[in-house]
Amino acid sequence: MNEDVQLIFDLTIEKMDAAVQHLDDELAHIRAGKASPRMLDGISVEYYGAMTPITQVASITTPDARTIAVQPWERNMINLIEKAIRNSPLGINPDNNGELIRVILPPLTEERRKEMVKQVNKEGENARVSIRSARKDANDMLKKAAKDGLAEDEEKLALEKVQEFTNQYAKKVEDLLAKKEKEILTV
């Protein structure tokens, strides 16, 4: 196989992987009925003058399906962490007992579940657009390579391979979305 074609494949896979990984990260922040430490991944606090993820200043556990426990490593961080969680877009209200922050997740209403499914589908569509964009970029590069001397049959095989990648990554997106939707709709 032509080195240029392999390079195009590698770039395409890298872009598609990034789209799926981004989707996975975004879905982790969407609250389903179950508590998950990953829900707090996007929240940062000021720690010695630098914005630092909560995961780097505290231990985060889920003692049960509805509770997230945040144990700061330094006691003076407890109020900052509590405030950061309260001000986050998650819409949750933490409880601070002076040593430990508890986040108790209320049960989701049917209306809220439907909103979350819409949000999940919107994130999924963004991932699909990224994957299609990577496919278009790859196809454009392959067509340019054909003009620069790549054999016609090699171009045809390469275009088919790019479509295979697209189908594989589209399936990964669908699987992630189905899993998250099920998680949200399970009462």
N, C-alpha and C. Protein backbone atom coordinates (compact mmCIF):
# COMPACT_ATOMS: atom_id res chain seq x y z
N MET A 1 0.84 -1.19 0.00
CA MET A 1 0.00 0.00 0.00
C MET A 1 0.88 1.25 0.00
N ASN A 2 0.42 2.22 -0.68
CA ASN A 2 1.10 3.50 -0.80
C ASN A 2 1.24 4.16 0.59
N GLU A 3 2.41 4.74 0.87
CA GLU A 3 2.66 5.40 2.16
C GLU A 3 1.72 6.58 2.39
N ASP A 4 1.43 7.34 1.32
CA ASP A 4 0.53 8.49 1.45
C ASP A 4 -0.87 8.03 1.85
N VAL A 5 -1.31 6.94 1.26
CA VAL A 5 -2.64 6.41 1.57
C VAL A 5 -2.68 5.96 3.03
N GLN A 6 -1.64 5.29 3.49
CA GLN A 6 -1.58 4.84 4.89
C GLN A 6 -1.61 6.05 5.84
N LEU A 7 -0.92 7.10 5.47
CA LEU A 7 -0.91 8.33 6.28
C LEU A 7 -2.32 8.93 6.35
N ILE A 8 -3.00 8.92 5.23
CA ILE A 8 -4.39 9.43 5.20
C ILE A 8 -5.27 8.57 6.12
N PHE A 9 -5.10 7.25 6.06
CA PHE A 9 -5.86 6.34 6.93
C PHE A 9 -5.58 6.66 8.41
N ASP A 10 -4.29 6.81 8.73
CA ASP A 10 -3.91 7.08 10.13
C ASP A 10 -4.54 8.38 10.64
N LEU A 11 -4.48 9.42 9.81
CA LEU A 11 -5.08 10.71 10.19
C LEU A 11 -6.58 10.59 10.38
N THR A 12 -7.22 9.86 9.49
CA THR A 12 -8.67 9.69 9.54
C THR A 12 -9.07 8.94 10.80
N ILE A 13 -8.37 7.87 11.11
CA ILE A 13 -8.67 7.08 12.31
C ILE A 13 -8.45 7.93 13.57
N GLU A 14 -7.38 8.71 13.55
CA GLU A 14 -7.08 9.58 14.70
C GLU A 14 -8.22 10.57 14.94
N LYS A 15 -8.72 11.20 13.85
CA LYS A 15 -9.82 12.17 13.98
C LYS A 15 -11.09 11.49 14.45
N MET A 16 -11.38 10.31 13.91
CA MET A 16 -12.60 9.59 14.29
C MET A 16 -12.53 9.11 15.74
N ASP A 17 -11.34 8.64 16.14
CA ASP A 17 -11.13 8.24 17.53
C ASP A 17 -11.38 9.41 18.47
N ALA A 18 -10.85 10.57 18.08
CA ALA A 18 -11.01 11.78 18.90
C ALA A 18 -12.50 12.14 19.03
N ALA A 19 -13.26 12.00 17.97
CA ALA A 19 -14.69 12.30 18.01
C ALA A 19 -15.42 11.37 18.98
N VAL A 20 -15.10 10.09 18.92
CA VAL A 20 -15.75 9.11 19.81
C VAL A 20 -15.32 9.35 21.26
N GLN A 21 -14.04 9.65 21.48
CA GLN A 21 -13.55 9.91 22.83
C GLN A 21 -14.21 11.16 23.41
N HIS A 22 -14.34 12.19 22.60
CA HIS A 22 -14.99 13.43 23.05
C HIS A 22 -16.44 13.14 23.43
N LEU A 23 -17.13 12.36 22.61
CA LEU A 23 -18.52 11.99 22.91
C LEU A 23 -18.58 11.25 24.24
N ASP A 24 -17.69 10.30 24.44
CA ASP A 24 -17.67 9.53 25.68
C ASP A 24 -17.49 10.46 26.89
N ASP A 25 -16.57 11.42 26.76
CA ASP A 25 -16.33 12.38 27.85
C ASP A 25 -17.56 13.24 28.11
N GLU A 26 -18.20 13.71 27.04
CA GLU A 26 -19.39 14.55 27.19
C GLU A 26 -20.54 13.76 27.82
N LEU A 27 -20.71 12.52 27.42
CA LEU A 27 -21.79 11.70 27.98
C LEU A 27 -21.56 11.42 29.46
N ALA A 28 -20.30 11.34 29.88
CA ALA A 28 -20.00 11.09 31.29
C ALA A 28 -20.49 12.23 32.17
N HIS A 29 -20.55 13.44 31.60
CA HIS A 29 -20.98 14.61 32.37
C HIS A 29 -22.49 14.76 32.41
N ILE A 30 -23.19 14.00 31.58
CA ILE A 30 -24.66 14.07 31.59
C ILE A 30 -25.15 13.11 32.67
N ARG A 31 -25.87 13.66 33.60
CA ARG A 31 -26.29 12.88 34.77
C ARG A 31 -27.41 11.93 34.41
N ALA A 32 -27.17 10.67 34.62
CA ALA A 32 -28.24 9.68 34.49
C ALA A 32 -28.77 9.45 35.91
N GLY A 33 -29.56 8.46 36.10
CA GLY A 33 -30.12 8.22 37.42
C GLY A 33 -29.10 7.76 38.44
N LYS A 34 -27.94 7.32 37.98
CA LYS A 34 -26.94 6.72 38.85
C LYS A 34 -25.76 7.66 39.08
N ALA A 35 -25.25 7.68 40.29
CA ALA A 35 -24.10 8.51 40.64
C ALA A 35 -22.83 7.93 40.00
N SER A 36 -21.97 8.81 39.52
CA SER A 36 -20.70 8.39 38.94
C SER A 36 -19.64 9.45 39.25
N PRO A 37 -18.45 9.05 39.70
CA PRO A 37 -17.40 10.02 39.97
C PRO A 37 -17.05 10.87 38.73
N ARG A 38 -17.24 10.31 37.54
CA ARG A 38 -16.91 11.03 36.30
C ARG A 38 -17.79 12.25 36.09
N MET A 39 -18.92 12.31 36.79
CA MET A 39 -19.81 13.46 36.65
C MET A 39 -19.11 14.76 37.06
N LEU A 40 -18.13 14.64 37.96
CA LEU A 40 -17.43 15.82 38.47
C LEU A 40 -16.15 16.13 37.70
N ASP A 41 -15.87 15.35 36.64
CA ASP A 41 -14.62 15.51 35.88
C ASP A 41 -14.38 16.92 35.36
N GLY A 42 -15.42 17.61 34.91
CA GLY A 42 -15.22 18.92 34.30
C GLY A 42 -15.15 20.07 35.29
N ILE A 43 -15.22 19.78 36.59
CA ILE A 43 -15.26 20.85 37.60
C ILE A 43 -13.86 21.08 38.16
N SER A 44 -13.48 22.37 38.20
CA SER A 44 -12.16 22.75 38.71
C SER A 44 -12.30 23.73 39.86
N VAL A 45 -11.27 23.76 40.72
CA VAL A 45 -11.21 24.73 41.83
C VAL A 45 -9.85 25.42 41.79
N GLU A 46 -9.79 26.59 42.41
CA GLU A 46 -8.50 27.27 42.47
C GLU A 46 -7.68 26.63 43.58
N TYR A 47 -6.51 26.16 43.21
CA TYR A 47 -5.63 25.48 44.15
C TYR A 47 -4.24 26.08 44.01
N TYR A 48 -3.80 26.81 45.00
CA TYR A 48 -2.51 27.52 44.97
C TYR A 48 -2.35 28.35 43.70
N GLY A 49 -3.41 29.07 43.35
CA GLY A 49 -3.35 30.01 42.23
C GLY A 49 -3.63 29.43 40.86
N ALA A 50 -3.83 28.12 40.76
CA ALA A 50 -4.10 27.51 39.45
C ALA A 50 -5.43 26.77 39.49
N MET A 51 -6.16 26.84 38.38
CA MET A 51 -7.42 26.09 38.30
C MET A 51 -7.05 24.61 38.14
N THR A 52 -7.54 23.80 39.08
CA THR A 52 -7.18 22.40 39.16
C THR A 52 -8.44 21.54 39.21
N PRO A 53 -8.49 20.44 38.44
CA PRO A 53 -9.67 19.56 38.51
C PRO A 53 -9.86 19.02 39.93
N ILE A 54 -11.12 18.89 40.34
CA ILE A 54 -11.43 18.37 41.68
C ILE A 54 -10.77 17.02 41.90
N THR A 55 -10.68 16.22 40.84
CA THR A 55 -10.10 14.87 40.97
C THR A 55 -8.64 14.90 41.42
N GLN A 56 -7.99 16.09 41.29
CA GLN A 56 -6.59 16.20 41.69
C GLN A 56 -6.41 16.79 43.09
N VAL A 57 -7.52 17.18 43.74
CA VAL A 57 -7.42 17.74 45.08
C VAL A 57 -8.29 16.98 46.08
N ALA A 58 -8.96 15.94 45.61
CA ALA A 58 -9.86 15.20 46.49
C ALA A 58 -10.06 13.77 45.98
N SER A 59 -10.49 12.93 46.89
CA SER A 59 -10.85 11.56 46.55
C SER A 59 -12.36 11.55 46.30
N ILE A 60 -12.79 10.97 45.18
CA ILE A 60 -14.21 10.95 44.83
C ILE A 60 -14.68 9.50 44.74
N THR A 61 -15.72 9.19 45.52
CA THR A 61 -16.26 7.83 45.53
C THR A 61 -17.79 7.88 45.42
N THR A 62 -18.37 6.72 45.15
CA THR A 62 -19.83 6.61 45.13
C THR A 62 -20.22 5.52 46.12
N PRO A 63 -20.53 5.92 47.37
CA PRO A 63 -20.90 4.93 48.39
C PRO A 63 -22.20 4.18 48.06
N ASP A 64 -23.09 4.81 47.31
CA ASP A 64 -24.30 4.12 46.86
C ASP A 64 -24.73 4.72 45.52
N ALA A 65 -25.80 4.21 44.94
CA ALA A 65 -26.22 4.58 43.58
C ALA A 65 -26.66 6.04 43.45
N ARG A 66 -27.00 6.69 44.55
CA ARG A 66 -27.49 8.07 44.49
C ARG A 66 -26.55 9.09 45.12
N THR A 67 -25.40 8.66 45.62
CA THR A 67 -24.52 9.57 46.37
C THR A 67 -23.10 9.58 45.79
N ILE A 68 -22.55 10.79 45.72
CA ILE A 68 -21.13 10.96 45.39
C ILE A 68 -20.50 11.57 46.63
N ALA A 69 -19.41 10.98 47.11
CA ALA A 69 -18.70 11.51 48.27
C ALA A 69 -17.38 12.10 47.80
N VAL A 70 -17.11 13.33 48.23
CA VAL A 70 -15.88 14.01 47.86
C VAL A 70 -15.11 14.29 49.15
N GLN A 71 -13.92 13.69 49.27
CA GLN A 71 -13.09 13.85 50.46
C GLN A 71 -11.84 14.65 50.07
N PRO A 72 -11.83 15.97 50.37
CA PRO A 72 -10.65 16.79 50.03
C PRO A 72 -9.41 16.30 50.78
N TRP A 73 -8.27 16.39 50.13
CA TRP A 73 -7.02 15.98 50.77
C TRP A 73 -6.54 17.04 51.74
N GLU A 74 -6.98 18.28 51.53
CA GLU A 74 -6.65 19.37 52.44
C GLU A 74 -7.96 19.97 52.93
N ARG A 75 -8.10 20.07 54.24
CA ARG A 75 -9.36 20.54 54.83
C ARG A 75 -9.77 21.92 54.34
N ASN A 76 -8.79 22.79 54.09
CA ASN A 76 -9.13 24.16 53.68
C ASN A 76 -9.75 24.23 52.28
N MET A 77 -9.75 23.12 51.56
CA MET A 77 -10.31 23.09 50.20
C MET A 77 -11.81 22.79 50.20
N ILE A 78 -12.35 22.36 51.32
CA ILE A 78 -13.73 21.85 51.35
C ILE A 78 -14.76 22.87 50.87
N ASN A 79 -14.64 24.13 51.31
CA ASN A 79 -15.63 25.14 50.91
C ASN A 79 -15.48 25.51 49.43
N LEU A 80 -14.24 25.55 48.94
CA LEU A 80 -14.01 25.86 47.53
C LEU A 80 -14.60 24.77 46.63
N ILE A 81 -14.40 23.51 47.03
CA ILE A 81 -14.92 22.39 46.25
C ILE A 81 -16.45 22.41 46.27
N GLU A 82 -17.01 22.62 47.45
CA GLU A 82 -18.47 22.67 47.57
C GLU A 82 -19.05 23.75 46.67
N LYS A 83 -18.43 24.93 46.69
CA LYS A 83 -18.91 26.06 45.86
C LYS A 83 -18.79 25.72 44.37
N ALA A 84 -17.68 25.10 43.98
CA ALA A 84 -17.47 24.75 42.57
C ALA A 84 -18.53 23.76 42.09
N ILE A 85 -18.86 22.78 42.94
CA ILE A 85 -19.89 21.80 42.57
C ILE A 85 -21.24 22.49 42.47
N ARG A 86 -21.54 23.34 43.44
CA ARG A 86 -22.83 24.04 43.45
C ARG A 86 -22.98 24.93 42.21
N ASN A 87 -21.90 25.57 41.78
CA ASN A 87 -21.95 26.49 40.64
C ASN A 87 -21.79 25.79 39.29
N SER A 88 -21.58 24.48 39.30
CA SER A 88 -21.39 23.74 38.05
C SER A 88 -22.72 23.60 37.31
N PRO A 89 -22.66 23.30 36.01
CA PRO A 89 -23.89 23.15 35.23
C PRO A 89 -24.68 21.86 35.55
N LEU A 90 -24.18 21.05 36.48
CA LEU A 90 -24.87 19.80 36.82
C LEU A 90 -26.20 20.04 37.54
N GLY A 91 -26.32 21.21 38.18
CA GLY A 91 -27.56 21.52 38.88
C GLY A 91 -27.76 20.67 40.12
N ILE A 92 -26.68 20.42 40.87
CA ILE A 92 -26.79 19.63 42.09
C ILE A 92 -26.33 20.45 43.29
N ASN A 93 -26.88 20.12 44.44
CA ASN A 93 -26.59 20.88 45.65
C ASN A 93 -25.83 19.99 46.64
N PRO A 94 -24.55 20.25 46.86
CA PRO A 94 -23.76 19.41 47.76
C PRO A 94 -24.04 19.73 49.23
N ASP A 95 -23.72 18.77 50.09
CA ASP A 95 -23.87 18.91 51.53
C ASP A 95 -22.49 18.74 52.14
N ASN A 96 -22.09 19.68 53.00
CA ASN A 96 -20.75 19.69 53.55
C ASN A 96 -20.84 19.52 55.07
N ASN A 97 -20.20 18.47 55.61
CA ASN A 97 -20.23 18.27 57.06
C ASN A 97 -18.93 18.70 57.74
N GLY A 98 -18.09 19.44 57.02
CA GLY A 98 -16.83 19.92 57.58
C GLY A 98 -15.64 19.06 57.20
N GLU A 99 -15.87 17.80 56.85
CA GLU A 99 -14.78 16.90 56.46
C GLU A 99 -15.02 16.26 55.11
N LEU A 100 -16.31 16.08 54.77
CA LEU A 100 -16.69 15.35 53.58
C LEU A 100 -17.82 16.09 52.89
N ILE A 101 -17.78 16.10 51.56
CA ILE A 101 -18.87 16.70 50.80
C ILE A 101 -19.68 15.55 50.21
N ARG A 102 -20.97 15.57 50.48
CA ARG A 102 -21.87 14.56 49.91
C ARG A 102 -22.74 15.23 48.87
N VAL A 103 -22.83 14.59 47.73
CA VAL A 103 -23.73 15.06 46.67
C VAL A 103 -24.78 13.97 46.52
N ILE A 104 -26.00 14.31 46.92
CA ILE A 104 -27.08 13.34 46.81
C ILE A 104 -27.89 13.71 45.58
N LEU A 105 -27.97 12.76 44.66
CA LEU A 105 -28.66 13.01 43.41
C LEU A 105 -30.14 12.71 43.56
N PRO A 106 -30.98 13.72 43.32
CA PRO A 106 -32.42 13.47 43.42
C PRO A 106 -32.87 12.61 42.24
N PRO A 107 -33.98 11.87 42.43
CA PRO A 107 -34.48 11.08 41.31
C PRO A 107 -34.89 12.01 40.16
N LEU A 108 -34.69 11.55 38.95
CA LEU A 108 -35.00 12.38 37.79
C LEU A 108 -36.49 12.30 37.46
N THR A 109 -37.05 13.45 37.09
CA THR A 109 -38.44 13.46 36.64
C THR A 109 -38.48 12.97 35.19
N GLU A 110 -39.66 12.56 34.74
CA GLU A 110 -39.82 12.09 33.37
C GLU A 110 -39.42 13.18 32.38
N GLU A 111 -39.82 14.41 32.69
CA GLU A 111 -39.51 15.55 31.82
C GLU A 111 -37.99 15.76 31.73
N ARG A 112 -37.31 15.68 32.87
CA ARG A 112 -35.86 15.86 32.91
C ARG A 112 -35.16 14.74 32.14
N ARG A 113 -35.68 13.53 32.25
CA ARG A 113 -35.09 12.41 31.51
C ARG A 113 -35.18 12.66 30.00
N LYS A 114 -36.33 13.15 29.54
CA LYS A 114 -36.51 13.43 28.12
C LYS A 114 -35.55 14.53 27.66
N GLU A 115 -35.35 15.56 28.50
CA GLU A 115 -34.40 16.63 28.16
C GLU A 115 -32.99 16.05 28.03
N MET A 116 -32.64 15.16 28.94
CA MET A 116 -31.30 14.56 28.92
C MET A 116 -31.10 13.70 27.69
N VAL A 117 -32.14 12.96 27.28
CA VAL A 117 -32.04 12.14 26.07
C VAL A 117 -31.81 13.04 24.87
N LYS A 118 -32.49 14.19 24.83
CA LYS A 118 -32.28 15.15 23.74
C LYS A 118 -30.84 15.65 23.75
N GLN A 119 -30.32 15.94 24.94
CA GLN A 119 -28.94 16.40 25.07
C GLN A 119 -27.96 15.32 24.59
N VAL A 120 -28.24 14.08 24.96
CA VAL A 120 -27.40 12.95 24.53
C VAL A 120 -27.41 12.85 23.01
N ASN A 121 -28.61 12.96 22.41
CA ASN A 121 -28.71 12.86 20.96
C ASN A 121 -28.00 14.02 20.26
N LYS A 122 -28.04 15.20 20.87
CA LYS A 122 -27.34 16.37 20.31
C LYS A 122 -25.82 16.10 20.32
N GLU A 123 -25.32 15.58 21.42
CA GLU A 123 -23.89 15.25 21.50
C GLU A 123 -23.54 14.18 20.47
N GLY A 124 -24.44 13.21 20.31
CA GLY A 124 -24.22 12.15 19.32
C GLY A 124 -24.15 12.71 17.91
N GLU A 125 -25.02 13.66 17.62
CA GLU A 125 -25.02 14.27 16.29
C GLU A 125 -23.71 15.03 16.05
N ASN A 126 -23.21 15.71 17.09
CA ASN A 126 -21.91 16.40 16.97
C ASN A 126 -20.80 15.40 16.63
N ALA A 127 -20.83 14.24 17.26
CA ALA A 127 -19.81 13.21 16.98
C ALA A 127 -19.96 12.69 15.56
N ARG A 128 -21.21 12.47 15.13
CA ARG A 128 -21.44 12.00 13.75
C ARG A 128 -20.91 13.01 12.74
N VAL A 129 -21.16 14.30 13.00
CA VAL A 129 -20.68 15.35 12.10
C VAL A 129 -19.15 15.33 12.03
N SER A 130 -18.50 15.16 13.17
CA SER A 130 -17.03 15.09 13.19
C SER A 130 -16.52 13.90 12.39
N ILE A 131 -17.19 12.76 12.53
CA ILE A 131 -16.78 11.56 11.79
C ILE A 131 -16.97 11.76 10.29
N ARG A 132 -18.11 12.33 9.90
CA ARG A 132 -18.34 12.59 8.47
C ARG A 132 -17.34 13.61 7.92
N SER A 133 -16.99 14.57 8.75
CA SER A 133 -16.00 15.57 8.34
C SER A 133 -14.63 14.91 8.11
N ALA A 134 -14.26 13.99 9.00
CA ALA A 134 -13.00 13.27 8.84
C ALA A 134 -13.03 12.44 7.55
N ARG A 135 -14.20 11.82 7.26
CA ARG A 135 -14.34 11.04 6.02
C ARG A 135 -14.17 11.95 4.81
N LYS A 136 -14.83 13.12 4.84
CA LYS A 136 -14.73 14.06 3.71
C LYS A 136 -13.29 14.50 3.49
N ASP A 137 -12.60 14.84 4.59
CA ASP A 137 -11.19 15.24 4.49
C ASP A 137 -10.36 14.12 3.86
N ALA A 138 -10.59 12.89 4.31
CA ALA A 138 -9.83 11.75 3.77
C ALA A 138 -10.13 11.56 2.29
N ASN A 139 -11.42 11.64 1.92
CA ASN A 139 -11.79 11.47 0.51
C ASN A 139 -11.17 12.57 -0.36
N ASP A 140 -11.17 13.80 0.16
CA ASP A 140 -10.54 14.90 -0.59
C ASP A 140 -9.04 14.66 -0.78
N MET A 141 -8.38 14.19 0.27
CA MET A 141 -6.94 13.91 0.17
C MET A 141 -6.67 12.77 -0.81
N LEU A 142 -7.54 11.76 -0.80
CA LEU A 142 -7.36 10.63 -1.73
C LEU A 142 -7.58 11.08 -3.17
N LYS A 143 -8.56 11.94 -3.41
CA LYS A 143 -8.80 12.44 -4.76
C LYS A 143 -7.62 13.28 -5.25
N LYS A 144 -7.04 14.06 -4.32
CA LYS A 144 -5.87 14.85 -4.67
C LYS A 144 -4.69 13.92 -4.99
N ALA A 145 -4.55 12.85 -4.20
CA ALA A 145 -3.48 11.88 -4.44
C ALA A 145 -3.67 11.20 -5.80
N ALA A 146 -4.92 10.97 -6.19
CA ALA A 146 -5.20 10.36 -7.49
C ALA A 146 -4.76 11.30 -8.61
N LYS A 147 -4.98 12.59 -8.42
CA LYS A 147 -4.53 13.57 -9.42
C LYS A 147 -3.01 13.61 -9.49
N ASP A 148 -2.37 13.33 -8.33
CA ASP A 148 -0.91 13.36 -8.26
C ASP A 148 -0.27 12.02 -8.62
N GLY A 149 -1.08 11.08 -9.14
CA GLY A 149 -0.49 9.85 -9.64
C GLY A 149 -0.88 8.56 -8.93
N LEU A 150 -1.74 8.60 -7.95
CA LEU A 150 -2.20 7.37 -7.29
C LEU A 150 -3.06 6.59 -8.29
N ALA A 151 -2.82 5.31 -8.37
CA ALA A 151 -3.56 4.47 -9.32
C ALA A 151 -5.06 4.51 -9.01
N GLU A 152 -5.87 4.44 -10.06
CA GLU A 152 -7.33 4.56 -9.92
C GLU A 152 -7.90 3.44 -9.04
N ASP A 153 -7.41 2.20 -9.24
CA ASP A 153 -7.93 1.10 -8.43
C ASP A 153 -7.52 1.24 -6.97
N GLU A 154 -6.32 1.76 -6.72
CA GLU A 154 -5.87 2.01 -5.35
C GLU A 154 -6.74 3.07 -4.70
N GLU A 155 -7.07 4.11 -5.47
CA GLU A 155 -7.93 5.18 -4.94
C GLU A 155 -9.30 4.59 -4.57
N LYS A 156 -9.84 3.75 -5.45
CA LYS A 156 -11.16 3.15 -5.21
C LYS A 156 -11.14 2.29 -3.95
N LEU A 157 -10.11 1.48 -3.80
CA LEU A 157 -9.99 0.63 -2.60
C LEU A 157 -9.83 1.49 -1.34
N ALA A 158 -9.05 2.55 -1.45
CA ALA A 158 -8.83 3.44 -0.30
C ALA A 158 -10.12 4.15 0.11
N LEU A 159 -10.91 4.60 -0.90
CA LEU A 159 -12.19 5.25 -0.59
C LEU A 159 -13.14 4.27 0.11
N GLU A 160 -13.13 3.01 -0.33
CA GLU A 160 -13.97 1.99 0.31
C GLU A 160 -13.52 1.76 1.75
N LYS A 161 -12.21 1.75 1.95
CA LYS A 161 -11.66 1.54 3.31
C LYS A 161 -12.06 2.70 4.23
N VAL A 162 -12.01 3.92 3.72
CA VAL A 162 -12.41 5.09 4.51
C VAL A 162 -13.88 4.96 4.90
N GLN A 163 -14.71 4.48 3.97
CA GLN A 163 -16.13 4.28 4.29
C GLN A 163 -16.30 3.21 5.37
N GLU A 164 -15.45 2.17 5.33
CA GLU A 164 -15.50 1.13 6.37
C GLU A 164 -15.20 1.75 7.74
N PHE A 165 -14.15 2.60 7.78
CA PHE A 165 -13.81 3.29 9.04
C PHE A 165 -15.01 4.10 9.52
N THR A 166 -15.62 4.83 8.59
CA THR A 166 -16.77 5.68 8.93
C THR A 166 -17.88 4.82 9.53
N ASN A 167 -18.17 3.70 8.92
CA ASN A 167 -19.23 2.82 9.42
C ASN A 167 -18.89 2.27 10.81
N GLN A 168 -17.62 1.89 11.02
CA GLN A 168 -17.20 1.36 12.32
C GLN A 168 -17.38 2.41 13.41
N TYR A 169 -16.94 3.64 13.13
CA TYR A 169 -17.02 4.68 14.14
C TYR A 169 -18.45 5.16 14.35
N ALA A 170 -19.26 5.14 13.31
CA ALA A 170 -20.68 5.49 13.45
C ALA A 170 -21.35 4.47 14.37
N LYS A 171 -20.97 3.21 14.24
CA LYS A 171 -21.53 2.16 15.11
C LYS A 171 -21.10 2.40 16.56
N LYS A 172 -19.84 2.78 16.78
CA LYS A 172 -19.37 3.07 18.14
C LYS A 172 -20.20 4.19 18.75
N VAL A 173 -20.49 5.22 17.96
CA VAL A 173 -21.31 6.34 18.43
C VAL A 173 -22.69 5.84 18.81
N GLU A 174 -23.29 5.06 17.92
CA GLU A 174 -24.64 4.54 18.20
C GLU A 174 -24.66 3.68 19.47
N ASP A 175 -23.63 2.87 19.66
CA ASP A 175 -23.55 2.03 20.85
C ASP A 175 -23.46 2.87 22.13
N LEU A 176 -22.61 3.91 22.09
CA LEU A 176 -22.47 4.81 23.25
C LEU A 176 -23.80 5.50 23.56
N LEU A 177 -24.48 5.97 22.51
CA LEU A 177 -25.75 6.67 22.69
C LEU A 177 -26.81 5.74 23.26
N ALA A 178 -26.89 4.53 22.73
CA ALA A 178 -27.89 3.57 23.20
C ALA A 178 -27.65 3.24 24.67
N LYS A 179 -26.40 3.05 25.04
CA LYS A 179 -26.05 2.72 26.43
C LYS A 179 -26.44 3.86 27.35
N LYS A 180 -26.12 5.10 26.96
CA LYS A 180 -26.42 6.26 27.81
C LYS A 180 -27.93 6.48 27.90
N GLU A 181 -28.62 6.32 26.79
CA GLU A 181 -30.08 6.50 26.79
C GLU A 181 -30.74 5.49 27.72
N LYS A 182 -30.27 4.25 27.65
CA LYS A 182 -30.82 3.21 28.53
C LYS A 182 -30.57 3.58 30.00
N GLU A 183 -29.36 4.07 30.27
CA GLU A 183 -28.97 4.48 31.62
C GLU A 183 -29.90 5.60 32.13
N ILE A 184 -30.20 6.56 31.26
CA ILE A 184 -31.06 7.69 31.64
C ILE A 184 -32.50 7.25 31.86
N LEU A 185 -32.99 6.39 30.99
CA LEU A 185 -34.40 6.02 31.05
C LEU A 185 -34.70 4.92 32.07
N THR A 186 -33.66 4.26 32.58
CA THR A 186 -33.86 3.23 33.61
C THR A 186 -34.16 3.92 34.93
N VAL A 187 -35.34 3.61 35.47
CA VAL A 187 -35.74 4.27 36.73
C VAL A 187 -35.25 3.48 37.91
